[in-house]
Protein backbone atom coordinates (compact mmCIF):
# COMPACT_ATOMS: atom_id res chain seq x y z
CA UNK A 1 -90.43 -16.29 -147.26
CA UNK A 2 -90.73 -12.57 -147.44
CA UNK A 3 -91.81 -10.89 -144.18
CA UNK A 4 -94.01 -8.23 -145.79
CA UNK A 5 -96.03 -9.00 -148.98
CA UNK A 6 -97.92 -5.73 -149.12
CA UNK A 7 -97.25 -2.49 -147.24
CA UNK A 8 -100.38 -0.53 -146.54
CA UNK A 9 -100.41 3.43 -146.60
CA UNK A 10 -100.89 4.94 -143.05
CA UNK A 11 -104.28 6.44 -143.71
CA UNK A 12 -105.66 3.09 -145.24
CA UNK A 13 -104.20 1.03 -142.40
CA UNK A 14 -105.89 3.30 -139.89
CA UNK A 15 -109.14 3.19 -141.62
CA UNK A 16 -109.01 -0.64 -141.75
CA UNK A 17 -108.26 -0.87 -138.05
CA UNK A 18 -110.84 1.69 -136.94
CA UNK A 19 -113.58 0.24 -139.10
CA UNK A 20 -113.18 -3.23 -137.54
CA UNK A 21 -113.04 -2.06 -134.00
CA UNK A 22 -116.11 -2.23 -131.56
CA UNK A 23 -116.54 1.09 -129.75
CA UNK A 24 -118.88 1.25 -126.58
CA UNK A 25 -118.15 4.32 -124.48
CA UNK A 26 -118.76 3.72 -120.69
CA UNK A 27 -119.32 6.71 -118.42
CA UNK A 28 -117.93 8.24 -115.19
CA UNK A 29 -119.49 11.17 -113.34
CA UNK A 30 -116.72 13.53 -112.09
CA UNK A 31 -116.47 16.93 -110.50
CA UNK A 32 -115.89 19.61 -113.03
CA UNK A 33 -112.73 20.77 -111.32
CA UNK A 34 -111.37 17.16 -111.86
CA UNK A 35 -112.43 16.93 -115.51
CA UNK A 36 -109.33 18.39 -117.14
CA UNK A 37 -108.41 16.17 -120.15
CA UNK A 38 -111.38 14.03 -119.85
CA UNK A 39 -113.91 13.57 -122.82
CA UNK A 40 -117.53 14.63 -122.47
CA UNK A 41 -119.97 11.59 -122.75
CA UNK A 42 -122.97 13.87 -123.18
CA UNK A 43 -123.79 17.25 -124.38
CA UNK A 44 -123.94 20.08 -121.88
CA UNK A 45 -126.67 22.83 -121.87
CA UNK A 46 -126.70 26.03 -119.99
CA UNK A 47 -129.39 26.49 -117.43
CA UNK A 48 -128.96 30.36 -117.54
CA UNK A 49 -128.15 33.21 -119.55
CA UNK A 50 -124.45 34.39 -119.64
CA UNK A 51 -124.01 37.07 -118.63
CA UNK A 52 -127.20 37.11 -116.60
CA UNK A 53 -127.42 40.88 -116.52
CA UNK A 54 -126.17 43.65 -118.94
CA UNK A 55 -122.59 44.66 -118.00
CA UNK A 56 -119.97 47.35 -118.68
CA UNK A 57 -116.76 46.21 -120.37
CA UNK A 58 -114.99 49.24 -119.27
CA UNK A 59 -114.52 51.81 -116.46
CA UNK A 60 -116.43 54.85 -117.33
CA UNK A 61 -119.95 56.48 -117.29
CA UNK A 62 -123.28 54.69 -118.04
CA UNK A 63 -125.21 56.83 -120.28
CA UNK A 64 -128.08 57.06 -122.82
CA UNK A 65 -126.13 57.11 -126.23
CA UNK A 66 -128.40 59.88 -127.50
CA UNK A 67 -127.17 62.18 -124.86
CA UNK A 68 -123.52 61.98 -126.18
CA UNK A 69 -124.34 62.43 -129.91
CA UNK A 70 -122.10 65.13 -131.35
CA UNK A 71 -119.95 65.42 -128.32
CA UNK A 72 -116.18 66.22 -128.85
CA UNK A 73 -113.23 67.66 -127.03
CA UNK A 74 -114.12 71.11 -128.51
CA UNK A 75 -117.83 70.64 -127.92
CA UNK A 76 -118.33 68.34 -124.93
CA UNK A 77 -121.63 67.13 -123.64
CA UNK A 78 -122.40 67.98 -119.88
CA UNK A 79 -124.24 65.19 -117.88
CA UNK A 80 -125.33 65.20 -114.27
CA UNK A 81 -123.76 62.46 -112.19
CA UNK A 82 -126.45 60.54 -110.32
CA UNK A 83 -123.94 58.41 -108.36
CA UNK A 84 -121.69 55.39 -108.51
CA UNK A 85 -122.83 51.84 -109.51
CA UNK A 86 -121.39 49.49 -106.93
CA UNK A 87 -119.89 46.26 -108.04
CA UNK A 88 -121.89 43.09 -107.23
CA UNK A 89 -125.33 44.85 -106.99
CA UNK A 90 -127.87 46.73 -109.07
CA UNK A 91 -127.43 50.40 -109.71
CA UNK A 92 -130.28 51.54 -107.29
CA UNK A 93 -130.96 54.42 -109.40
CA UNK A 94 -132.11 55.24 -113.04
CA UNK A 95 -130.30 57.12 -115.79
CA UNK A 96 -132.70 59.57 -117.02
CA UNK A 97 -132.05 62.02 -120.09
CA UNK A 98 -129.08 64.24 -119.43
CA UNK A 99 -127.90 61.98 -116.56
CA UNK A 100 -125.05 59.45 -116.01
CA UNK A 101 -123.57 57.17 -113.42
CA UNK A 102 -119.96 56.19 -112.66
CA UNK A 103 -119.65 52.35 -113.55
CA UNK A 104 -116.72 49.89 -113.37
CA UNK A 105 -115.65 47.13 -115.67
CA UNK A 106 -118.13 44.26 -115.05
CA UNK A 107 -120.64 46.45 -113.29
CA UNK A 108 -124.41 46.01 -113.85
CA UNK A 109 -125.99 48.61 -116.13
CA UNK A 110 -129.31 50.32 -115.12
CA UNK A 111 -132.08 49.31 -117.49
CA UNK A 112 -132.45 52.89 -118.57
CA UNK A 113 -128.94 53.20 -120.11
CA UNK A 114 -127.65 51.66 -123.44
CA UNK A 115 -123.99 52.65 -123.63
CA UNK A 116 -120.87 53.32 -121.60
CA UNK A 117 -118.33 56.14 -122.27
CA UNK A 118 -114.83 55.14 -121.33
CA UNK A 119 -113.46 57.19 -118.42
CA UNK A 120 -110.55 58.23 -120.76
CA UNK A 121 -113.20 60.42 -122.70
CA UNK A 122 -114.60 62.11 -119.86
CA UNK A 123 -113.62 65.08 -117.52
CA UNK A 124 -115.20 65.68 -114.08
CA UNK A 125 -115.91 69.46 -113.79
CA UNK A 126 -117.80 69.33 -110.39
CA UNK A 127 -119.10 66.90 -107.79
CA UNK A 128 -122.12 66.18 -109.78
CA UNK A 129 -121.21 67.06 -113.45
CA UNK A 130 -119.01 65.53 -115.96
CA UNK A 131 -117.92 66.37 -119.64
CA UNK A 132 -118.30 63.75 -122.21
CA UNK A 133 -115.55 64.34 -124.89
CA UNK A 134 -116.71 61.86 -127.52
CA UNK A 135 -119.90 60.27 -128.65
CA UNK A 136 -120.74 56.61 -128.15
CA UNK A 137 -123.24 54.41 -130.12
CA UNK A 138 -126.09 52.33 -128.61
CA UNK A 139 -124.45 49.13 -127.34
CA UNK A 140 -120.93 50.50 -127.28
CA UNK A 141 -118.76 49.21 -124.38
CA UNK A 142 -121.49 46.87 -122.96
CA UNK A 143 -122.36 43.34 -122.97
CA UNK A 144 -125.94 42.31 -123.26
CA UNK A 145 -127.83 39.60 -121.36
CA UNK A 146 -127.28 36.30 -122.98
CA UNK A 147 -124.64 37.64 -125.38
CA UNK A 148 -122.25 34.84 -124.52
CA UNK A 149 -124.82 31.99 -123.79
CA UNK A 150 -128.66 31.88 -123.56
CA UNK A 151 -130.70 29.31 -121.55
CA UNK A 152 -130.87 25.90 -123.10
CA UNK A 153 -127.98 26.57 -125.47
CA UNK A 154 -125.47 23.73 -126.04
CA UNK A 155 -122.32 24.94 -124.64
CA UNK A 156 -120.09 21.85 -124.86
CA UNK A 157 -120.83 18.97 -127.19
CA UNK A 158 -120.41 15.25 -126.52
CA UNK A 159 -117.00 13.82 -127.41
CA UNK A 160 -115.05 16.98 -126.60
CA UNK A 161 -111.91 16.91 -124.45
CA UNK A 162 -112.20 19.28 -121.57
CA UNK A 163 -109.53 22.01 -121.41
CA UNK A 164 -109.13 24.78 -118.74
CA UNK A 165 -111.44 27.01 -120.68
CA UNK A 166 -114.26 24.55 -120.49
CA UNK A 167 -113.84 24.08 -116.77
CA UNK A 168 -114.07 27.82 -116.34
CA UNK A 169 -117.23 27.91 -118.52
CA UNK A 170 -118.88 25.10 -116.55
CA UNK A 171 -118.36 27.04 -113.30
CA UNK A 172 -119.77 30.19 -114.93
CA UNK A 173 -122.97 28.48 -115.60
CA UNK A 174 -123.08 26.58 -112.28
CA UNK A 175 -122.47 23.02 -113.63
CA UNK A 176 -120.23 21.40 -111.15
CA UNK A 177 -120.54 17.70 -112.19
CA UNK A 178 -120.57 16.18 -115.69
CA UNK A 179 -120.65 12.77 -117.34
CA UNK A 180 -117.38 11.99 -119.01
CA UNK A 181 -116.15 8.73 -120.89
CA UNK A 182 -114.47 6.00 -118.79
CA UNK A 183 -110.84 5.75 -119.34
CA UNK A 184 -109.99 2.51 -121.27
CA UNK A 185 -107.45 0.14 -119.82
CA UNK A 186 -104.47 -0.55 -122.36
CA UNK A 187 -102.31 -3.50 -121.62
CA UNK A 188 -98.74 -3.31 -122.56
CA UNK A 189 -96.52 -6.36 -123.18
CA UNK A 190 -92.75 -6.07 -123.86
CA UNK A 191 -91.11 -9.03 -125.49
CA UNK A 192 -87.70 -9.88 -126.63
CA UNK A 193 -84.93 -12.17 -125.31
CA UNK A 194 -82.61 -9.19 -125.18
CA UNK A 195 -84.96 -6.88 -123.27
CA UNK A 196 -84.59 -6.40 -119.39
CA UNK A 197 -86.22 -4.17 -116.75
CA UNK A 198 -84.95 -0.68 -116.19
CA UNK A 199 -83.76 -1.43 -112.82
CA UNK A 200 -81.65 -4.49 -113.79
CA UNK A 201 -77.90 -4.46 -114.38
CA UNK A 202 -77.11 -4.51 -118.03
CA UNK A 203 -75.16 -7.40 -119.46
CA UNK A 204 -73.51 -7.56 -122.87
CA UNK A 205 -76.13 -7.81 -125.56
CA UNK A 206 -79.03 -6.59 -123.47
CA UNK A 207 -81.17 -3.46 -123.57
CA UNK A 208 -83.45 -1.83 -120.95
CA UNK A 209 -87.18 -1.77 -121.65
CA UNK A 210 -87.82 1.78 -122.39
CA UNK A 211 -90.82 1.15 -124.60
CA UNK A 212 -93.33 0.22 -121.93
CA UNK A 213 -92.51 3.43 -120.11
CA UNK A 214 -92.72 5.76 -123.04
CA UNK A 215 -95.86 4.00 -124.20
CA UNK A 216 -97.44 4.26 -120.80
CA UNK A 217 -96.94 8.02 -120.73
CA UNK A 218 -98.47 8.33 -124.23
CA UNK A 219 -101.53 6.29 -123.40
CA UNK A 220 -102.01 8.22 -120.22
CA UNK A 221 -101.68 11.54 -122.12
CA UNK A 222 -104.24 10.27 -124.80
CA UNK A 223 -106.81 9.53 -122.11
CA UNK A 224 -106.24 5.83 -121.35
CA UNK A 225 -105.00 3.91 -118.34
CA UNK A 226 -101.74 2.00 -119.17
CA UNK A 227 -101.27 -1.32 -117.51
CA UNK A 228 -97.83 -2.92 -117.84
CA UNK A 229 -97.60 -6.71 -117.78
CA UNK A 230 -93.82 -6.97 -117.92
CA UNK A 231 -91.16 -8.51 -120.14
CA UNK A 232 -91.45 -11.85 -121.71
CA UNK A 233 -89.03 -13.98 -123.82
CA UNK A 234 -89.58 -14.79 -127.63
CA UNK A 235 -91.41 -17.97 -126.69
CA UNK A 236 -94.77 -18.77 -128.28
CA UNK A 237 -96.56 -20.50 -125.34
CA UNK A 238 -95.51 -17.80 -122.69
CA UNK A 239 -96.42 -14.92 -124.95
CA UNK A 240 -99.73 -16.42 -125.91
CA UNK A 241 -100.67 -17.02 -122.24
CA UNK A 242 -99.80 -13.46 -121.08
CA UNK A 243 -101.42 -11.87 -124.20
CA UNK A 244 -104.59 -13.97 -123.60
CA UNK A 245 -104.72 -12.93 -119.92
CA UNK A 246 -104.03 -9.23 -120.82
CA UNK A 247 -106.64 -9.01 -123.39
CA UNK A 248 -109.22 -10.38 -121.10
CA UNK A 249 -108.31 -7.77 -118.49
CA UNK A 250 -108.00 -4.84 -120.69
CA UNK A 251 -109.93 -2.81 -123.38
CA UNK A 252 -107.03 -2.89 -125.76
CA UNK A 253 -103.61 -4.57 -125.99
CA UNK A 254 -100.10 -3.41 -127.30
CA UNK A 255 -97.27 -5.72 -127.68
CA UNK A 256 -93.75 -4.43 -128.45
CA UNK A 257 -91.82 -7.16 -130.38
CA UNK A 258 -88.19 -8.03 -130.31
CA UNK A 259 -86.04 -6.56 -133.16
CA UNK A 260 -85.59 -9.72 -135.14
CA UNK A 261 -87.89 -10.89 -137.96
CA UNK A 262 -88.68 -14.10 -136.23
CA UNK A 263 -89.83 -12.16 -133.20
CA UNK A 264 -92.07 -10.20 -135.26
CA UNK A 265 -93.56 -13.24 -136.90
CA UNK A 266 -93.93 -14.79 -133.44
CA UNK A 267 -96.03 -11.71 -132.33
CA UNK A 268 -98.30 -12.11 -135.37
CA UNK A 269 -98.89 -15.82 -134.74
CA UNK A 270 -99.77 -15.01 -131.14
CA UNK A 271 -102.16 -12.33 -132.03
CA UNK A 272 -103.94 -14.59 -134.45
CA UNK A 273 -104.64 -16.99 -131.49
CA UNK A 274 -106.51 -14.25 -129.62
CA UNK A 275 -109.69 -14.27 -131.51
CA UNK A 276 -111.26 -13.24 -134.73
CA UNK A 277 -110.67 -11.67 -137.27
CA UNK A 278 -107.19 -11.40 -136.01
CA UNK A 279 -104.42 -9.66 -137.85
CA UNK A 280 -105.81 -7.05 -140.31
CA UNK A 281 -102.51 -5.36 -141.41
CA UNK A 282 -99.00 -6.58 -141.13
CA UNK A 283 -96.75 -4.03 -142.59
CA UNK A 284 -97.28 -0.29 -143.02
CA UNK A 285 -95.66 1.85 -145.74
CA UNK A 286 -93.78 4.08 -143.29
CA UNK A 287 -90.31 4.71 -141.89
CA UNK A 288 -89.78 4.11 -139.01
CA UNK A 289 -92.13 1.51 -138.26
CA UNK A 290 -92.71 -0.76 -141.23
CA UNK A 291 -93.21 -4.00 -139.39
CA UNK A 292 -96.39 -2.73 -137.55
CA UNK A 293 -99.22 -5.23 -136.86
CA UNK A 294 -102.86 -3.99 -136.53
CA UNK A 295 -105.38 -6.49 -135.37
CA UNK A 296 -108.83 -6.93 -133.82
CA UNK A 297 -109.51 -9.85 -131.70
CA UNK A 298 -112.97 -10.46 -130.27
CA UNK A 299 -113.80 -6.89 -130.78
CA UNK A 300 -110.82 -5.55 -129.06
CA UNK A 301 -107.85 -3.90 -130.77
CA UNK A 302 -104.46 -5.37 -130.61
CA UNK A 303 -101.37 -3.59 -131.99
CA UNK A 304 -97.91 -5.07 -132.38
CA UNK A 305 -95.28 -2.42 -132.38
CA UNK A 306 -91.63 -2.52 -133.61
CA UNK A 307 -89.18 -3.13 -130.80
CA UNK A 308 -86.88 0.08 -131.64
CA UNK A 309 -87.86 2.84 -129.24
CA UNK A 310 -88.36 5.50 -131.91
CA UNK A 311 -90.30 3.25 -134.23
CA UNK A 312 -92.44 2.25 -131.33
CA UNK A 313 -93.34 5.69 -130.22
CA UNK A 314 -93.87 7.09 -133.68
CA UNK A 315 -96.20 4.22 -134.71
CA UNK A 316 -97.97 4.41 -131.24
CA UNK A 317 -98.74 8.12 -131.89
CA UNK A 318 -100.17 7.16 -135.36
CA UNK A 319 -102.35 4.09 -134.38
CA UNK A 320 -102.45 3.64 -130.63
CA UNK A 321 -103.52 7.26 -129.77
CA UNK A 322 -106.47 7.20 -132.31
CA UNK A 323 -107.72 3.97 -130.95
CA UNK A 324 -107.71 5.29 -127.41
CA UNK A 325 -109.44 8.46 -128.62
CA UNK A 326 -111.99 6.43 -130.34
CA UNK A 327 -112.66 4.32 -127.12
CA UNK A 328 -113.23 7.48 -125.16
CA UNK A 329 -115.65 8.90 -127.91
CA UNK A 330 -113.52 11.80 -129.01
CA UNK A 331 -115.06 13.36 -132.14
CA UNK A 332 -111.82 14.61 -133.77
CA UNK A 333 -109.97 11.24 -133.71
CA UNK A 334 -106.45 11.32 -135.07
CA UNK A 335 -106.33 15.06 -135.43
CA UNK A 336 -102.87 16.31 -134.62
CA UNK A 337 -101.40 19.80 -134.25
CA UNK A 338 -99.50 20.40 -137.59
CA UNK A 339 -98.04 23.32 -139.15
CA UNK A 340 -95.60 24.38 -141.96
CA UNK A 341 -92.07 25.49 -141.37
CA UNK A 342 -88.98 26.18 -143.61
CA UNK A 343 -86.55 23.22 -143.72
CA UNK A 344 -82.87 23.94 -142.80
CA UNK A 345 -81.33 20.90 -144.33
CA UNK A 346 -81.99 18.50 -147.15
CA UNK A 347 -83.82 15.29 -146.01
CA UNK A 348 -83.32 12.09 -148.24
CA UNK A 349 -86.17 9.73 -148.71
CA UNK A 350 -87.24 6.80 -150.70
CA UNK A 351 -90.10 7.34 -153.06
CA UNK A 352 -93.24 5.30 -152.46
CA UNK A 353 -92.73 5.34 -148.62
CA UNK A 354 -93.99 8.00 -146.06
CA UNK A 355 -91.09 8.92 -143.65
CA UNK A 356 -91.27 10.69 -140.52
CA UNK A 357 -88.19 12.39 -139.25
CA UNK A 358 -87.37 13.73 -135.79
CA UNK A 359 -86.86 17.34 -135.69
CA UNK A 360 -86.30 20.65 -133.75
CA UNK A 361 -88.90 23.34 -134.50
CA UNK A 362 -88.05 26.95 -133.66
CA UNK A 363 -88.97 30.42 -134.69
CA UNK A 364 -87.04 33.55 -135.67
CA UNK A 365 -87.76 36.79 -137.34
CA UNK A 366 -88.49 35.06 -140.73
CA UNK A 367 -91.16 32.59 -139.19
CA UNK A 368 -90.96 28.89 -138.25
CA UNK A 369 -87.87 26.93 -139.09
CA UNK A 370 -87.12 23.24 -138.57
CA UNK A 371 -83.99 21.32 -138.25
CA UNK A 372 -84.08 17.44 -138.95
CA UNK A 373 -82.49 15.29 -136.39
CA UNK A 374 -80.96 12.39 -138.23
CA UNK A 375 -80.67 9.07 -136.27
CA UNK A 376 -81.50 5.42 -136.34
CA UNK A 377 -84.87 4.02 -134.95
CA UNK A 378 -83.17 2.44 -131.88
CA UNK A 379 -81.86 5.75 -130.56
CA UNK A 380 -84.59 6.98 -128.06
CA UNK A 381 -82.76 10.20 -127.19
CA UNK A 382 -83.24 11.47 -130.72
CA UNK A 383 -86.81 11.96 -129.81
CA UNK A 384 -85.91 13.37 -126.49
CA UNK A 385 -83.96 16.09 -128.34
CA UNK A 386 -86.85 16.60 -130.73
CA UNK A 387 -90.03 18.62 -130.32
CA UNK A 388 -91.62 17.61 -133.58
CA UNK A 389 -91.32 15.43 -136.61
CA UNK A 390 -91.24 16.20 -140.29
CA UNK A 391 -93.55 14.40 -142.75
CA UNK A 392 -92.04 13.28 -145.99
CA UNK A 393 -94.85 12.45 -148.31
CA UNK A 394 -94.80 9.03 -150.10
CA UNK A 395 -94.59 10.54 -153.58
CA UNK A 396 -91.37 12.61 -152.60
CA UNK A 397 -87.71 11.53 -153.15
CA UNK A 398 -86.72 13.75 -150.44
CA UNK A 399 -87.06 17.37 -149.24
CA UNK A 400 -84.85 20.27 -150.03
CA UNK A 401 -83.39 22.84 -147.74
CA UNK A 402 -85.58 25.97 -147.92
CA UNK A 403 -88.85 23.88 -148.63
CA UNK A 404 -91.93 24.60 -146.53
CA UNK A 405 -92.65 21.25 -145.01
CA UNK A 406 -95.42 19.65 -142.91
CA UNK A 407 -94.35 19.45 -139.18
CA UNK A 408 -96.28 17.69 -136.50
CA UNK A 409 -95.81 18.73 -132.95
CA UNK A 410 -94.71 16.21 -130.39
CA UNK A 411 -96.71 16.82 -127.12
């Protein structure tokens, strides 16, 4: 009996999976300082204007712009210096016509001035007089009240992953706690008669379980909490029992199957016992990773990954990561950092199938270049040596050296 009757394109397979899953985002309340990488569960609005006062963007002299009109090195304007505006406080004096005040970057402007002359375009001629050597326009070298943010403005939308910039922004507006999506728990089961734990001594014909470790790291990076359940032989009853338990305890389940066709069929049969609708896709039109299984069982996603380490990690990036992102309410689900680079070597491919090839991306004087790393799907260090993957479209019969190709960064 053929193992795969119909291979589904990647985008279609992902859409089938996401459209059948049930998403209910739970919430945690965390300190802003601890929110790095978390996803906002609600929109955040500023309680204040930012900046809350008019500020200078340079070191120089606070002026009325009209007092500088026509000023040049050959015909400077002369202004009386009223004093120095101290940082962290208001000026304490006004700037009247024909007057100025020394101000520093970030200093608070007096209400009566509307521009700042950079100190490079000034010359002090006495204790209380300065030459202005060029004119400035109204608003030049200053930031107005609320120019960054005004009160009540949405500053961070719901469904956004928090970066260092957002943490700094929250501190600036005095928001020290926020609601974020609770991290989903993702169960990981390794199966295969030949698979042993990494701390075990290798015997002939055995391989150490690298998949559950690389998948744990990937899930953690995506925003989930990995929970490894161990390694199980290719036996229906034992695999079904642990899968049933794991699915009950987790929000999502990932099973890496053994390498044989019978093992992949066993995984599919086990998944179909876990709940309806069961297996939605068995076979994706991609290399590596053709024997991928996508399922939803009792409203929870279950994914069967190939046993080969490269296949497992590539497919997990394409399917496991978007599901985790959906479970935490991320708005840009499945969006990956991609760019175009010039290919150094021919890459063969079979038309009608999308290929992803491990690669090394670098830049030189001519721009981005990418070298393919040719290897088989059971060689995990091919991905360790890579920092990206090259996409070979399904309608291509290969890529030629010198082509500009689509590259996805590995993070």
